[in-house]
PDB file of N, CA and C in Angstrom:
ATOM      1  N   MET A   1     135.148  67.803  92.175  1.00  0.00           N
ATOM      2  CA  MET A   1     133.958  68.684  91.694  1.00  0.00           C
ATOM      3  C   MET A   1     133.972  69.669  92.986  1.00  0.00           C
ATOM      4  N   PRO A   2     134.006  70.966  92.601  1.00  0.00           N
ATOM      5  CA  PRO A   2     133.784  71.834  93.836  1.00  0.00           C
ATOM      6  C   PRO A   2     132.227  72.176  93.934  1.00  0.00           C
ATOM      7  N   PHE A   3     131.847  72.681  95.282  1.00  0.00           N
ATOM      8  CA  PHE A   3     130.515  72.914  95.534  1.00  0.00           C
ATOM      9  C   PHE A   3     130.735  74.599  96.058  1.00  0.00           C
ATOM     10  N   GLU A   4     129.563  75.428  95.548  1.00  0.00           N
ATOM     11  CA  GLU A   4     129.474  76.543  96.355  1.00  0.00           C
ATOM     12  C   GLU A   4     129.026  76.518  97.880  1.00  0.00           C
ATOM     13  N   LYS A   5     129.435  77.226  98.592  1.00  0.00           N
ATOM     14  CA  LYS A   5     129.225  77.420  99.769  1.00  0.00           C
ATOM     15  C   LYS A   5     127.497  78.001  99.766  1.00  0.00           C
ATOM     16  N   ILE A   6     126.719  77.259 100.623  1.00  0.00           N
ATOM     17  CA  ILE A   6     125.323  77.691 100.831  1.00  0.00           C
ATOM     18  C   ILE A   6     125.257  78.724 101.861  1.00  0.00           C
ATOM     19  N   LYS A   7     124.446  79.781 101.360  1.00  0.00           N
ATOM     20  CA  LYS A   7     124.430  81.080 102.237  1.00  0.00           C
ATOM     21  C   LYS A   7     123.081  81.351 102.513  1.00  0.00           C
ATOM     22  N   THR A   8     122.606  81.643 103.844  1.00  0.00           N
ATOM     23  CA  THR A   8     120.925  82.012 104.022  1.00  0.00           C
ATOM     24  C   THR A   8     121.304  83.430 104.255  1.00  0.00           C
ATOM     25  N   LEU A   9     119.944  84.240 103.967  1.00  0.00           N
ATOM     26  CA  LEU A   9     119.907  85.771 104.006  1.00  0.00           C
ATOM     27  C   LEU A   9     119.534  85.856 105.562  1.00  0.00           C
ATOM     28  N   THR A  10     120.195  87.086 106.046  1.00  0.00           N
ATOM     29  CA  THR A  10     119.721  87.702 107.238  1.00  0.00           C
ATOM     30  C   THR A  10     118.280  88.126 106.914  1.00  0.00           C
ATOM     31  N   VAL A  11     117.943  88.508 108.238  1.00  0.00           N
ATOM     32  CA  VAL A  11     116.197  89.267 108.380  1.00  0.00           C
ATOM     33  C   VAL A  11     116.618  90.422 107.462  1.00  0.00           C
ATOM     34  N   ARG A  12     117.596  91.246 107.968  1.00  0.00           N
ATOM     35  CA  ARG A  12     117.587  92.413 107.141  1.00  0.00           C
ATOM     36  C   ARG A  12     117.705  92.482 105.868  1.00  0.00           C
ATOM     37  N   GLU A  13     118.507  91.524 105.208  1.00  0.00           N
ATOM     38  CA  GLU A  13     118.630  91.189 103.707  1.00  0.00           C
ATOM     39  C   GLU A  13     117.204  90.648 102.877  1.00  0.00           C
ATOM     40  N   ASN A  14     116.625  89.867 103.950  1.00  0.00           N
ATOM     41  CA  ASN A  14     114.915  89.553 103.514  1.00  0.00           C
ATOM     42  C   ASN A  14     114.425  90.866 103.311  1.00  0.00           C
ATOM     43  N   PHE A  15     114.110  91.608 104.547  1.00  0.00           N
ATOM     44  CA  PHE A  15     113.342  92.565 103.992  1.00  0.00           C
ATOM     45  C   PHE A  15     113.703  93.653 103.085  1.00  0.00           C
ATOM     46  N   VAL A  16     114.911  93.975 102.736  1.00  0.00           N
ATOM     47  CA  VAL A  16     115.510  94.856 101.943  1.00  0.00           C
ATOM     48  C   VAL A  16     114.983  94.168 100.507  1.00  0.00           C
ATOM     49  N   ARG A  17     115.210  92.808 100.330  1.00  0.00           N
ATOM     50  CA  ARG A  17     114.860  92.143  99.089  1.00  0.00           C
ATOM     51  C   ARG A  17     113.163  92.138  98.782  1.00  0.00           C
ATOM     52  N   GLU A  18     112.539  92.276 100.190  1.00  0.00           N
ATOM     53  CA  GLU A  18     111.315  92.320 100.105  1.00  0.00           C
ATOM     54  C   GLU A  18     110.590  93.452  99.227  1.00  0.00           C
ATOM     55  N   LEU A  19     111.235  94.819 100.118  1.00  0.00           N
ATOM     56  CA  LEU A  19     110.791  95.875  99.514  1.00  0.00           C
ATOM     57  C   LEU A  19     111.424  95.995  97.835  1.00  0.00           C
ATOM     58  N   GLU A  20     112.432  95.833  97.609  1.00  0.00           N
ATOM     59  CA  GLU A  20     113.014  96.059  96.432  1.00  0.00           C
ATOM     60  C   GLU A  20     112.200  95.362  95.372  1.00  0.00           C
ATOM     61  N   ASN A  21     111.689  94.060  95.573  1.00  0.00           N
ATOM     62  CA  ASN A  21     110.744  93.446  94.710  1.00  0.00           C
ATOM     63  C   ASN A  21     109.469  94.064  94.563  1.00  0.00           C
ATOM     64  N   LYS A  22     109.028  94.378  95.608  1.00  0.00           N
ATOM     65  CA  LYS A  22     107.803  95.158  95.321  1.00  0.00           C
ATOM     66  C   LYS A  22     108.063  96.496  94.452  1.00  0.00           C
ATOM     67  N   ILE A  23     108.992  97.290  94.595  1.00  0.00           N
ATOM     68  CA  ILE A  23     109.223  98.425  93.756  1.00  0.00           C
ATOM     69  C   ILE A  23     109.544  98.050  92.489  1.00  0.00           C
ATOM     70  N   ILE A  24     110.234  96.874  92.202  1.00  0.00           N
ATOM     71  CA  ILE A  24     110.732  96.875  90.707  1.00  0.00           C
ATOM     72  C   ILE A  24     109.301  96.137  90.216  1.00  0.00           C
ATOM     73  N   SER A  25     108.692  95.327  90.908  1.00  0.00           N
ATOM     74  CA  SER A  25     107.301  94.841  90.130  1.00  0.00           C
ATOM     75  C   SER A  25     106.420  95.804  89.890  1.00  0.00           C
ATOM     76  N   GLY A  26     106.756  97.326  90.390  1.00  0.00           N
ATOM     77  CA  GLY A  26     105.571  98.163  90.237  1.00  0.00           C
ATOM     78  C   GLY A  26     104.342  98.197  91.383  1.00  0.00           C
ATOM     79  N   GLU A  27     104.450  97.313  92.443  1.00  0.00           N
ATOM     80  CA  GLU A  27     103.427  97.077  93.301  1.00  0.00           C
ATOM     81  C   GLU A  27     103.674  98.473  94.168  1.00  0.00           C
ATOM     82  N   LEU A  28     104.957  98.972  94.394  1.00  0.00           N
ATOM     83  CA  LEU A  28     105.058 100.220  94.996  1.00  0.00           C
ATOM     84  C   LEU A  28     105.526 101.062  93.763  1.00  0.00           C
ATOM     85  N   LYS A  29     104.694 102.006  93.769  1.00  0.00           N
ATOM     86  CA  LYS A  29     105.221 102.852  92.880  1.00  0.00           C
ATOM     87  C   LYS A  29     105.813 104.182  93.056  1.00  0.00           C
ATOM     88  N   PRO A  30     106.533 104.963  92.455  1.00  0.00           N
ATOM     89  CA  PRO A  30     107.329 106.465  92.646  1.00  0.00           C
ATOM     90  C   PRO A  30     106.322 107.232  93.278  1.00  0.00           C
ATOM     91  N   GLY A  31     106.694 107.656  94.444  1.00  0.00           N
ATOM     92  CA  GLY A  31     105.749 108.800  95.165  1.00  0.00           C
ATOM     93  C   GLY A  31     104.907 108.107  96.130  1.00  0.00           C
ATOM     94  N   ASP A  32     104.800 106.748  96.115  1.00  0.00           N
ATOM     95  CA  ASP A  32     104.234 106.193  97.067  1.00  0.00           C
ATOM     96  C   ASP A  32     104.513 106.456  98.666  1.00  0.00           C
ATOM     97  N   LYS A  33     103.785 106.544  99.752  1.00  0.00           N
ATOM     98  CA  LYS A  33     104.181 106.639 101.124  1.00  0.00           C
ATOM     99  C   LYS A  33     104.521 105.292 101.482  1.00  0.00           C
ATOM    100  N   LEU A  34     105.492 104.797 102.229  1.00  0.00           N
ATOM    101  CA  LEU A  34     105.339 103.689 102.693  1.00  0.00           C
ATOM    102  C   LEU A  34     105.053 103.790 104.059  1.00  0.00           C
ATOM    103  N   PRO A  35     104.608 102.535 105.003  1.00  0.00           N
ATOM    104  CA  PRO A  35     103.990 102.680 106.205  1.00  0.00           C
ATOM    105  C   PRO A  35     104.972 103.365 107.306  1.00  0.00           C
ATOM    106  N   ALA A  36     104.413 104.013 108.481  1.00  0.00           N
ATOM    107  CA  ALA A  36     105.605 104.084 109.480  1.00  0.00           C
ATOM    108  C   ALA A  36     106.394 102.839 109.759  1.00  0.00           C
ATOM    109  N   ALA A  37     107.467 103.327 110.351  1.00  0.00           N
ATOM    110  CA  ALA A  37     108.449 101.964 110.704  1.00  0.00           C
ATOM    111  C   ALA A  37     107.897 101.016 111.435  1.00  0.00           C
ATOM    112  N   LYS A  38     107.184 101.537 112.677  1.00  0.00           N
ATOM    113  CA  LYS A  38     106.783 100.638 113.666  1.00  0.00           C
ATOM    114  C   LYS A  38     105.329  99.844 113.016  1.00  0.00           C
ATOM    115  N   ASP A  39     104.717 100.116 111.962  1.00  0.00           N
ATOM    116  CA  ASP A  39     103.633  99.790 111.327  1.00  0.00           C
ATOM    117  C   ASP A  39     104.359  98.633 110.376  1.00  0.00           C
ATOM    118  N   MET A  40     105.169  99.057 109.840  1.00  0.00           N
ATOM    119  CA  MET A  40     106.231  98.091 109.057  1.00  0.00           C
ATOM    120  C   MET A  40     106.732  96.447 109.891  1.00  0.00           C
ATOM    121  N   CYS A  41     107.267  97.102 111.339  1.00  0.00           N
ATOM    122  CA  CYS A  41     107.554  95.897 111.926  1.00  0.00           C
ATOM    123  C   CYS A  41     106.285  95.058 112.084  1.00  0.00           C
ATOM    124  N   ALA A  42     105.075  95.818 112.481  1.00  0.00           N
ATOM    125  CA  ALA A  42     104.163  94.773 112.984  1.00  0.00           C
ATOM    126  C   ALA A  42     103.622  93.724 111.660  1.00  0.00           C
ATOM    127  N   MET A  43     103.685  94.557 110.437  1.00  0.00           N
ATOM    128  CA  MET A  43     103.159  93.764 109.310  1.00  0.00           C
ATOM    129  C   MET A  43     104.201  92.677 109.114  1.00  0.00           C
ATOM    130  N   MET A  44     105.409  93.044 109.170  1.00  0.00           N
ATOM    131  CA  MET A  44     106.571  92.069 108.479  1.00  0.00           C
ATOM    132  C   MET A  44     107.068  91.286 109.562  1.00  0.00           C
ATOM    133  N   GLY A  45     106.889  91.422 110.788  1.00  0.00           N
ATOM    134  CA  GLY A  45     107.204  90.731 111.815  1.00  0.00           C
ATOM    135  C   GLY A  45     108.530  90.781 112.445  1.00  0.00           C
ATOM    136  N   VAL A  46     109.164  92.114 112.035  1.00  0.00           N
ATOM    137  CA  VAL A  46     110.571  92.472 112.176  1.00  0.00           C
ATOM    138  C   VAL A  46     110.647  93.575 113.572  1.00  0.00           C
ATOM    139  N   SER A  47     111.927  93.419 113.585  1.00  0.00           N
ATOM    140  CA  SER A  47     112.163  94.548 114.678  1.00  0.00           C
ATOM    141  C   SER A  47     112.683  95.756 114.219  1.00  0.00           C
ATOM    142  N   LEU A  48     112.209  97.253 115.060  1.00  0.00           N
ATOM    143  CA  LEU A  48     112.670  98.391 114.527  1.00  0.00           C
ATOM    144  C   LEU A  48     113.963  98.419 113.938  1.00  0.00           C
ATOM    145  N   THR A  49     114.758  97.593 114.701  1.00  0.00           N
ATOM    146  CA  THR A  49     116.455  97.651 114.143  1.00  0.00           C
ATOM    147  C   THR A  49     116.535  97.156 112.877  1.00  0.00           C
ATOM    148  N   ILE A  50     115.657  96.176 112.397  1.00  0.00           N
ATOM    149  CA  ILE A  50     115.896  95.800 111.230  1.00  0.00           C
ATOM    150  C   ILE A  50     115.396  96.375 110.028  1.00  0.00           C
ATOM    151  N   VAL A  51     114.193  97.302 110.564  1.00  0.00           N
ATOM    152  CA  VAL A  51     113.525  98.114 109.522  1.00  0.00           C
ATOM    153  C   VAL A  51     114.341  99.451 109.187  1.00  0.00           C
ATOM    154  N   ASN A  52     114.760  99.961 110.326  1.00  0.00           N
ATOM    155  CA  ASN A  52     115.897 101.199 109.995  1.00  0.00           C
ATOM    156  C   ASN A  52     117.025 100.713 109.665  1.00  0.00           C
ATOM    157  N   ALA A  53     117.624  99.634 109.671  1.00  0.00           N
ATOM    158  CA  ALA A  53     118.747  99.215 109.097  1.00  0.00           C
ATOM    159  C   ALA A  53     118.485  99.219 107.498  1.00  0.00           C
ATOM    160  N   GLY A  54     117.601  98.408 107.255  1.00  0.00           N
ATOM    161  CA  GLY A  54     116.788  98.136 105.738  1.00  0.00           C
ATOM    162  C   GLY A  54     116.649  99.260 105.019  1.00  0.00           C
ATOM    163  N   MET A  55     116.048 100.104 105.765  1.00  0.00           N
ATOM    164  CA  MET A  55     115.699 101.684 105.175  1.00  0.00           C
ATOM    165  C   MET A  55     116.745 102.332 104.627  1.00  0.00           C
ATOM    166  N   SER A  56     117.862 102.279 105.668  1.00  0.00           N
ATOM    167  CA  SER A  56     118.787 102.914 105.331  1.00  0.00           C
ATOM    168  C   SER A  56     119.830 102.487 104.023  1.00  0.00           C
ATOM    169  N   GLU A  57     119.829 101.311 103.879  1.00  0.00           N
ATOM    170  CA  GLU A  57     120.432 100.513 102.753  1.00  0.00           C
ATOM    171  C   GLU A  57     119.488 100.776 101.564  1.00  0.00           C
ATOM    172  N   LEU A  58     118.149 100.843 101.521  1.00  0.00           N
ATOM    173  CA  LEU A  58     117.122 101.027 100.530  1.00  0.00           C
ATOM    174  C   LEU A  58     117.657 102.410  99.839  1.00  0.00           C
ATOM    175  N   VAL A  59     117.632 103.311 101.064  1.00  0.00           N
ATOM    176  CA  VAL A  59     118.371 104.846 100.690  1.00  0.00           C
ATOM    177  C   VAL A  59     119.729 104.988  99.953  1.00  0.00           C
ATOM    178  N   SER A  60     120.402 104.130 100.625  1.00  0.00           N
ATOM    179  CA  SER A  60     121.806 104.268  99.677  1.00  0.00           C
ATOM    180  C   SER A  60     121.802 103.781  98.713  1.00  0.00           C
ATOM    181  N   LYS A  61     120.738 102.533  98.155  1.00  0.00           N
ATOM    182  CA  LYS A  61     120.822 102.160  97.071  1.00  0.00           C
ATOM    183  C   LYS A  61     119.838 102.902  96.055  1.00  0.00           C
ATOM    184  N   GLY A  62     119.182 104.012  96.575  1.00  0.00           N
ATOM    185  CA  GLY A  62     118.376 104.660  95.511  1.00  0.00           C
ATOM    186  C   GLY A  62     116.675 104.198  95.400  1.00  0.00           C
ATOM    187  N   PHE A  63     116.369 103.131  96.084  1.00  0.00           N
ATOM    188  CA  PHE A  63     115.414 102.796  95.917  1.00  0.00           C
ATOM    189  C   PHE A  63     114.295 103.399  96.741  1.00  0.00           C
ATOM    190  N   VAL A  64     114.398 104.023  97.603  1.00  0.00           N
ATOM    191  CA  VAL A  64     113.818 104.942  98.640  1.00  0.00           C
ATOM    192  C   VAL A  64     114.348 106.311  98.958  1.00  0.00           C
ATOM    193  N   GLU A  65     113.407 106.956  99.027  1.00  0.00           N
ATOM    194  CA  GLU A  65     113.775 108.530  99.608  1.00  0.00           C
ATOM    195  C   GLU A  65     113.224 108.721 101.090  1.00  0.00           C
ATOM    196  N   THR A  66     113.635 109.547 101.799  1.00  0.00           N
ATOM    197  CA  THR A  66     113.136 109.779 102.938  1.00  0.00           C
ATOM    198  C   THR A  66     113.122 111.084 103.161  1.00  0.00           C
ATOM    199  N   VAL A  67     112.047 111.792 103.860  1.00  0.00           N
ATOM    200  CA  VAL A  67     111.988 113.311 103.909  1.00  0.00           C
ATOM    201  C   VAL A  67     111.748 113.435 105.200  1.00  0.00           C
ATOM    202  N   PRO A  68     112.496 114.293 106.035  1.00  0.00           N
ATOM    203  CA  PRO A  68     112.493 114.602 107.527  1.00  0.00           C
ATOM    204  C   PRO A  68     110.989 114.673 107.819  1.00  0.00           C
ATOM    205  N   ARG A  69     110.394 114.175 108.732  1.00  0.00           N
ATOM    206  CA  ARG A  69     109.188 114.733 109.601  1.00  0.00           C
ATOM    207  C   ARG A  69     107.905 114.344 108.615  1.00  0.00           C
ATOM    208  N   ARG A  70     108.219 113.548 107.383  1.00  0.00           N
ATOM    209  CA  ARG A  70     107.223 113.256 106.251  1.00  0.00           C
ATOM    210  C   ARG A  70     107.180 111.941 106.002  1.00  0.00           C
ATOM    211  N   GLY A  71     108.242 111.040 106.276  1.00  0.00           N
ATOM    212  CA  GLY A  71     108.104 109.398 105.756  1.00  0.00           C
ATOM    213  C   GLY A  71     109.190 109.176 104.885  1.00  0.00           C
ATOM    214  N   SER A  72     109.087 108.098 104.306  1.00  0.00           N
ATOM    215  CA  SER A  72     109.758 107.320 102.990  1.00  0.00           C
ATOM    216  C   SER A  72     108.907 107.168 102.136  1.00  0.00           C
TER     217      SER A  72
END
């Protein structure tokens, strides 16, 4: 009987999943502005590196749009 390997999510994966779930559920709606990266760090208890990497992934997946000097 084969078993599947148990995999834990990284902090970045958890960050991305949290925002994706908020978007999919409608808690975050199209056009809503996200908090500044440093504020998200404080609210979610993660580093700026995690927020930046997660936001880049969300942009590449089409969940988030960033506008220079205006935010996400």
